[in-house]
Amino acid sequence: MDVYELLPSIVMTVLFLCILPFGQKVWISADLTITSAWGLMCITFPQFVMQYQVDGEIDMQHEYFYRLFGFVLLVTSLFGVLTQNSDDPTVKITFLWSRVIATSVYILNRVYSIYNITKDPQWNDRSLYFGTYGDVLWFLGSLYHSLRCQDWGYANEAHLRIDLHLRMDTLLTFFMALMYFVFPGHVFKIQVDGKLGKLHLSLIRNVAAFLFGTCIISASATRFSSQDDKMTFLALRILVNSCIITFQLIAQFFQSPWSIYHVYFSIVTTAVWTLNAGLGYMHEVKKLNKDKVE
């Protein structure tokens, strides 16, 4: 590892030390800028992003799981962007704690994978000194600003119809995250024609880490004081999940590794997940339109 390869880590350290003292708002803005760009890069150029941190051949399944990771990351980032000006302190602390939970699980999986995958394709040294090191800084910054929060908000639950759909979203997301993290091989082995390698399983667990993060948001969203913030989260769930279904269908019909069980398990599950969010969002839209007429 020469000085040139360590340069990105040095730059990240300097940026971290410069941004951290400027408060929660600046930290969240920096987080959203970087992760939105990262999520889009994972979706559009997965091989280009991965090859810097991976030694060995990257196949279509690696790209599939990395794109899925990009979509899940983008949900939380777009939520942060669209609610950045919210007056509800619950929204800010929820976003920060979703980052803390997601990055902690993500880092544990990355470190475990780096030291336990010994055959190509595998994570290389750059994934440790650049990727995982950056993730640790991300975790520490989010944890620091979470613990410094004075106003945690949390209005009383109104027990509205939209809250029911948010709770259903929490259960569906948590179940998916748990299955992806604990049993990634079992969940996907019948969905692919061929054997999944250890790097595939590592990428699936990365997806699970940020599913846990979105689960934190949907669980806390029932206590948001503004209906607009609740609707924003459900609208993003509909939008991003629709993109996921589209990309899953493209993979199913234009990429050879996927079996018919990919439709039954992944695509149908995502569709049900999206339908729940759609029903909650549309009910609230109809309610708002009715109130305007009256």
Protein backbone atom coordinates (compact mmCIF):
# COMPACT_ATOMS: atom_id res chain seq x y z
CA MET A 1 0.00 0.00 0.00
CA ASP A 2 1.81 3.14 -1.23
CA VAL A 3 1.18 6.79 -0.36
CA TYR A 4 -0.81 7.34 -3.57
CA GLU A 5 -3.35 4.67 -2.58
CA LEU A 6 -3.63 6.13 0.93
CA LEU A 7 -4.31 9.63 -0.44
CA PRO A 8 -8.15 9.15 -0.65
CA SER A 9 -8.20 8.09 3.02
CA ILE A 10 -6.15 11.15 4.00
CA VAL A 11 -8.54 13.41 2.07
CA MET A 12 -11.56 11.77 3.78
CA THR A 13 -9.98 12.31 7.20
CA VAL A 14 -9.38 16.01 6.50
CA LEU A 15 -12.95 16.47 5.20
CA PHE A 16 -14.36 14.63 8.22
CA LEU A 17 -12.45 16.82 10.69
CA CYS A 18 -13.50 19.97 8.81
CA ILE A 19 -17.20 19.10 8.53
CA LEU A 20 -17.84 17.51 11.95
CA PRO A 21 -17.59 20.66 14.13
CA PHE A 22 -20.00 22.69 11.99
CA GLY A 23 -23.11 21.09 13.43
CA GLN A 24 -25.87 18.70 12.55
CA LYS A 25 -27.23 20.60 9.55
CA VAL A 26 -23.86 20.75 7.76
CA TRP A 27 -23.14 17.10 8.56
CA ILE A 28 -26.50 15.95 7.19
CA SER A 29 -26.06 18.09 4.05
CA ALA A 30 -22.62 16.55 3.41
CA ASP A 31 -24.01 13.05 4.08
CA LEU A 32 -26.89 13.55 1.63
CA THR A 33 -24.66 14.95 -1.11
CA ILE A 34 -22.15 12.10 -0.91
CA THR A 35 -24.61 9.22 -0.45
CA SER A 36 -27.00 10.41 -3.16
CA ALA A 37 -24.11 10.50 -5.62
CA TRP A 38 -22.84 7.13 -4.35
CA GLY A 39 -26.27 5.52 -4.63
CA LEU A 40 -26.69 6.74 -8.21
CA MET A 41 -23.19 5.49 -9.11
CA CYS A 42 -23.98 2.05 -7.64
CA ILE A 43 -27.13 1.86 -9.76
CA THR A 44 -25.73 3.16 -13.05
CA PHE A 45 -22.10 1.98 -12.96
CA PRO A 46 -21.90 -0.93 -10.46
CA GLN A 47 -18.90 -2.62 -12.06
CA PHE A 48 -16.92 0.62 -12.26
CA VAL A 49 -17.56 1.35 -8.56
CA MET A 50 -16.87 -2.22 -7.42
CA GLN A 51 -13.69 -2.89 -9.39
CA TYR A 52 -11.73 -0.35 -7.33
CA GLN A 53 -12.33 -2.40 -4.17
CA VAL A 54 -12.61 -5.94 -5.56
CA ASP A 55 -9.98 -8.34 -6.93
CA GLY A 56 -11.25 -10.92 -9.42
CA GLU A 57 -14.03 -11.18 -11.96
CA ILE A 58 -17.28 -9.34 -11.29
CA ASP A 59 -20.33 -11.13 -12.72
CA MET A 60 -23.92 -10.03 -13.41
CA GLN A 61 -25.12 -11.22 -10.02
CA HIS A 62 -22.54 -9.03 -8.26
CA GLU A 63 -23.81 -6.09 -10.29
CA TYR A 64 -27.43 -7.00 -9.47
CA PHE A 65 -26.85 -6.98 -5.71
CA TYR A 66 -24.77 -3.80 -5.88
CA ARG A 67 -27.54 -2.04 -7.81
CA LEU A 68 -30.05 -3.24 -5.21
CA PHE A 69 -27.79 -1.79 -2.53
CA GLY A 70 -27.75 1.52 -4.41
CA PHE A 71 -31.55 1.67 -4.55
CA VAL A 72 -31.93 0.97 -0.81
CA LEU A 73 -29.28 3.58 0.05
CA LEU A 74 -31.04 6.08 -2.21
CA VAL A 75 -34.34 5.72 -0.30
CA THR A 76 -32.83 7.04 2.93
CA SER A 77 -30.78 9.71 1.17
CA LEU A 78 -33.74 11.08 -0.81
CA PHE A 79 -35.84 11.05 2.36
CA GLY A 80 -33.19 13.19 4.03
CA VAL A 81 -33.09 15.56 1.03
CA LEU A 82 -36.86 16.02 0.84
CA THR A 83 -37.34 16.51 4.59
CA GLN A 84 -34.25 18.64 5.18
CA ASN A 85 -36.37 21.73 5.85
CA SER A 86 -38.87 19.95 8.11
CA ASP A 87 -39.66 21.71 11.40
CA ASP A 88 -40.15 18.38 13.18
CA PRO A 89 -37.01 17.44 15.18
CA THR A 90 -38.15 13.81 15.12
CA VAL A 91 -37.38 13.66 11.40
CA LYS A 92 -33.74 14.73 11.88
CA ILE A 93 -32.97 12.42 14.80
CA THR A 94 -34.71 9.53 13.03
CA PHE A 95 -32.57 10.06 9.94
CA LEU A 96 -29.36 10.17 12.00
CA TRP A 97 -30.20 7.03 13.98
CA SER A 98 -31.12 5.21 10.78
CA ARG A 99 -27.61 6.03 9.59
CA VAL A 100 -26.05 4.83 12.86
CA ILE A 101 -27.86 1.47 12.73
CA ALA A 102 -27.29 0.92 9.01
CA THR A 103 -23.60 1.84 9.00
CA SER A 104 -22.83 -0.20 12.13
CA VAL A 105 -24.32 -3.36 10.59
CA TYR A 106 -22.69 -2.50 7.25
CA ILE A 107 -19.22 -2.10 8.82
CA LEU A 108 -19.50 -5.37 10.75
CA ASN A 109 -20.36 -7.21 7.56
CA ARG A 110 -17.59 -5.51 5.57
CA VAL A 111 -14.89 -6.31 8.14
CA TYR A 112 -16.08 -9.90 8.48
CA SER A 113 -16.13 -10.34 4.69
CA ILE A 114 -12.72 -8.77 4.14
CA TYR A 115 -11.03 -11.21 6.52
CA ASN A 116 -13.08 -14.31 5.66
CA ILE A 117 -13.20 -14.23 1.85
CA THR A 118 -9.86 -15.64 0.74
CA LYS A 119 -10.52 -16.53 -2.91
CA ASP A 120 -11.24 -14.27 -5.87
CA PRO A 121 -13.46 -12.43 -6.30
CA GLN A 122 -12.77 -10.84 -2.92
CA TRP A 123 -12.47 -7.44 -1.26
CA ASN A 124 -8.95 -6.02 -1.66
CA ASP A 125 -6.86 -3.76 0.59
CA ARG A 126 -8.49 -0.62 -0.83
CA SER A 127 -11.86 -1.84 0.46
CA LEU A 128 -10.37 -1.73 3.97
CA TYR A 129 -8.23 1.43 3.89
CA PHE A 130 -10.63 3.42 1.70
CA GLY A 131 -14.11 1.84 1.78
CA THR A 132 -14.40 0.55 5.34
CA TYR A 133 -12.35 3.41 6.79
CA GLY A 134 -14.74 5.89 5.16
CA ASP A 135 -17.68 3.92 6.53
CA VAL A 136 -16.26 4.17 10.05
CA LEU A 137 -15.94 7.95 9.71
CA TRP A 138 -19.53 8.05 8.42
CA PHE A 139 -20.71 6.02 11.42
CA LEU A 140 -18.77 8.14 13.94
CA GLY A 141 -20.09 11.42 12.51
CA SER A 142 -23.70 10.21 12.54
CA LEU A 143 -23.32 8.83 16.07
CA TYR A 144 -21.72 12.05 17.31
CA HIS A 145 -24.52 14.26 16.02
CA SER A 146 -27.19 11.78 17.19
CA LEU A 147 -25.87 11.86 20.75
CA ARG A 148 -25.58 15.66 20.73
CA CYS A 149 -29.25 16.13 19.87
CA GLN A 150 -31.14 18.00 22.60
CA ASP A 151 -34.62 17.94 21.07
CA TRP A 152 -35.79 14.45 20.18
CA GLY A 153 -39.31 15.49 19.21
CA TYR A 154 -41.64 12.49 19.15
CA ALA A 155 -45.23 13.68 18.97
CA ASN A 156 -47.94 11.31 20.14
CA GLU A 157 -49.15 8.77 17.60
CA ALA A 158 -52.42 9.78 15.97
CA HIS A 159 -53.33 6.17 15.03
CA LEU A 160 -54.34 7.20 11.52
CA ARG A 161 -54.70 4.89 8.52
CA ILE A 162 -51.33 6.04 7.19
CA ASP A 163 -49.73 4.95 10.49
CA LEU A 164 -51.05 1.43 9.96
CA HIS A 165 -49.33 1.27 6.57
CA LEU A 166 -46.12 2.64 8.07
CA ARG A 167 -46.20 -0.12 10.70
CA MET A 168 -46.78 -2.70 7.98
CA ASP A 169 -43.82 -1.23 6.10
CA THR A 170 -41.71 -1.60 9.24
CA LEU A 171 -42.63 -5.28 9.60
CA LEU A 172 -42.08 -6.09 5.92
CA THR A 173 -38.77 -4.24 5.81
CA PHE A 174 -37.49 -5.78 9.04
CA PHE A 175 -38.43 -9.29 7.91
CA MET A 176 -36.67 -8.80 4.57
CA ALA A 177 -33.59 -7.30 6.21
CA LEU A 178 -33.40 -10.13 8.73
CA MET A 179 -33.72 -12.82 6.05
CA TYR A 180 -31.15 -11.12 3.81
CA PHE A 181 -28.66 -10.73 6.64
CA VAL A 182 -29.03 -14.09 8.40
CA PHE A 183 -29.91 -16.39 5.49
CA PRO A 184 -28.68 -14.70 2.27
CA GLY A 185 -27.65 -17.98 0.67
CA HIS A 186 -30.92 -19.73 1.46
CA VAL A 187 -33.02 -16.80 0.22
CA PHE A 188 -31.31 -16.53 -3.16
CA LYS A 189 -29.95 -19.99 -3.94
CA ILE A 190 -33.19 -21.14 -5.60
CA GLN A 191 -33.53 -17.82 -7.43
CA VAL A 192 -30.31 -18.22 -9.41
CA ASP A 193 -29.05 -20.84 -11.82
CA GLY A 194 -25.66 -21.62 -10.34
CA LYS A 195 -23.86 -21.23 -7.05
CA LEU A 196 -23.52 -18.00 -5.12
CA GLY A 197 -20.03 -17.12 -3.90
CA LYS A 198 -19.01 -15.48 -0.63
CA LEU A 199 -18.78 -12.04 -2.24
CA HIS A 200 -22.40 -12.39 -3.41
CA LEU A 201 -23.46 -13.12 0.17
CA SER A 202 -21.47 -10.14 1.42
CA LEU A 203 -23.26 -7.84 -1.04
CA ILE A 204 -26.67 -9.19 0.00
CA ARG A 205 -25.84 -8.44 3.65
CA ASN A 206 -24.85 -4.90 2.62
CA VAL A 207 -28.38 -4.50 1.24
CA ALA A 208 -29.78 -5.84 4.52
CA ALA A 209 -27.79 -3.28 6.53
CA PHE A 210 -29.52 -0.35 4.84
CA LEU A 211 -32.88 -2.10 4.90
CA PHE A 212 -32.49 -2.01 8.68
CA GLY A 213 -31.86 1.72 8.28
CA THR A 214 -35.08 2.31 6.35
CA CYS A 215 -36.88 0.17 8.93
CA ILE A 216 -35.84 2.68 11.62
CA ILE A 217 -37.39 5.50 9.57
CA SER A 218 -40.72 3.76 8.93
CA ALA A 219 -40.96 2.70 12.60
CA SER A 220 -40.41 6.28 13.82
CA ALA A 221 -42.50 7.89 11.08
CA THR A 222 -45.73 7.14 12.97
CA ARG A 223 -44.61 9.81 15.46
CA PHE A 224 -43.85 12.48 12.89
CA SER A 225 -45.94 15.56 13.64
CA SER A 226 -46.45 16.38 9.96
CA GLN A 227 -48.46 14.20 7.61
CA ASP A 228 -46.36 15.57 4.75
CA ASP A 229 -43.22 13.91 6.15
CA LYS A 230 -45.05 10.60 6.47
CA MET A 231 -46.35 10.87 2.91
CA THR A 232 -42.86 11.76 1.67
CA PHE A 233 -41.47 8.50 3.02
CA LEU A 234 -44.27 6.40 1.49
CA ALA A 235 -43.96 8.24 -1.84
CA LEU A 236 -40.23 7.46 -1.92
CA ARG A 237 -40.94 3.82 -1.08
CA ILE A 238 -43.33 3.65 -4.05
CA LEU A 239 -40.93 5.45 -6.42
CA VAL A 240 -37.75 3.56 -5.55
CA ASN A 241 -39.48 0.17 -5.24
CA SER A 242 -41.04 0.71 -8.68
CA CYS A 243 -37.52 1.27 -10.02
CA ILE A 244 -36.35 -1.90 -8.22
CA ILE A 245 -39.18 -3.96 -9.77
CA THR A 246 -38.32 -2.58 -13.22
CA PHE A 247 -34.66 -3.49 -12.85
CA GLN A 248 -35.59 -6.93 -11.44
CA LEU A 249 -37.82 -7.59 -14.47
CA ILE A 250 -35.02 -6.53 -16.83
CA ALA A 251 -32.64 -8.88 -14.99
CA GLN A 252 -35.19 -11.70 -15.14
CA PHE A 253 -35.81 -11.50 -18.90
CA PHE A 254 -32.46 -10.29 -20.21
CA GLN A 255 -29.90 -11.87 -17.87
CA SER A 256 -29.48 -15.65 -17.84
CA PRO A 257 -28.59 -16.38 -14.16
CA TRP A 258 -32.10 -15.84 -12.76
CA SER A 259 -34.64 -18.67 -12.40
CA ILE A 260 -38.44 -18.37 -12.35
CA TYR A 261 -38.33 -18.37 -8.54
CA HIS A 262 -36.77 -14.91 -8.73
CA VAL A 263 -40.21 -13.73 -9.88
CA TYR A 264 -42.08 -15.56 -7.13
CA PHE A 265 -39.80 -14.46 -4.30
CA SER A 266 -38.02 -11.17 -5.04
CA ILE A 267 -40.34 -9.48 -7.53
CA VAL A 268 -43.64 -10.46 -5.87
CA THR A 269 -42.29 -9.55 -2.41
CA THR A 270 -41.19 -6.14 -3.65
CA ALA A 271 -44.58 -5.66 -5.32
CA VAL A 272 -46.45 -6.41 -2.06
CA TRP A 273 -44.09 -4.07 -0.20
CA THR A 274 -44.84 -1.34 -2.76
CA LEU A 275 -48.59 -2.00 -2.72
CA ASN A 276 -48.73 -1.42 1.03
CA ALA A 277 -47.00 1.96 0.64
CA GLY A 278 -49.25 2.83 -2.31
CA LEU A 279 -52.45 2.10 -0.39
CA GLY A 280 -51.31 4.23 2.54
CA TYR A 281 -50.26 7.11 0.31
CA MET A 282 -53.39 7.09 -1.86
CA HIS A 283 -55.69 6.95 1.19
CA GLU A 284 -54.01 10.06 2.55
CA VAL A 285 -54.24 11.85 -0.82
CA LYS A 286 -57.98 11.11 -1.04
CA LYS A 287 -58.44 12.31 2.52
CA LEU A 288 -56.63 15.59 1.78
CA ASN A 289 -58.67 16.14 -1.41
CA LYS A 290 -61.88 15.48 0.51
CA ASP A 291 -60.90 17.99 3.18
CA LYS A 292 -60.19 20.63 0.52
CA VAL A 293 -63.63 20.13 -1.05
CA GLU A 294 -65.33 20.47 2.32
